Amino acid sequence: MVDTAVTAVFLTLVGMIVVLSAWEWTRLLAGRTPAQLRETPPVWLPEPVMAGGRAVSWVGRFALLLALAKEMTGEAALDRAEQARFRDCQVPTHPNAQVNADLLAEVRPVSVGPRGELYAKIMEQKYSNINRCC
């Protein structure tokens, strides 16, 4: 239902643009409206904005380089996998509620093994499948 509504709104807007454009072109071609062939006046940015502001320090560039290196080596994917594994295993409880031991046993983290095995699994997944960015 939502997809249908969004598509209908989109098609309505596109249709309005086409109709208004055709209307304007017919008025221009019929000579009822003179063609205005001029550009809008330029809007100049203030001098501090043009100067570029503050330059990035070497500490910021080094931090960015480390983050990029972590992403390229797969360490970031490993950290995300570990966080997802433990995030999925948390039990939301009310402060006054008593947690059932059977419920806790069901949601304990599944042991994937040491960090090296998880890393190997992530690298195998990364290089065995097509990895599209879009």
Foldseek 3Di string as FASTA:
>chain_A
DVVVVVVVVVVVVVVVVVVVVVVVVVCPVVVVDDDDPDDDDDDDDDPCVVVVHDDDDPVVVVVVVVVVVCVVVCVVVLVVVVVVQVVQLDDDDDPPDDDDPVVNVVRDGDDPDDSVSSSVVVVCVVPVDDDDPD
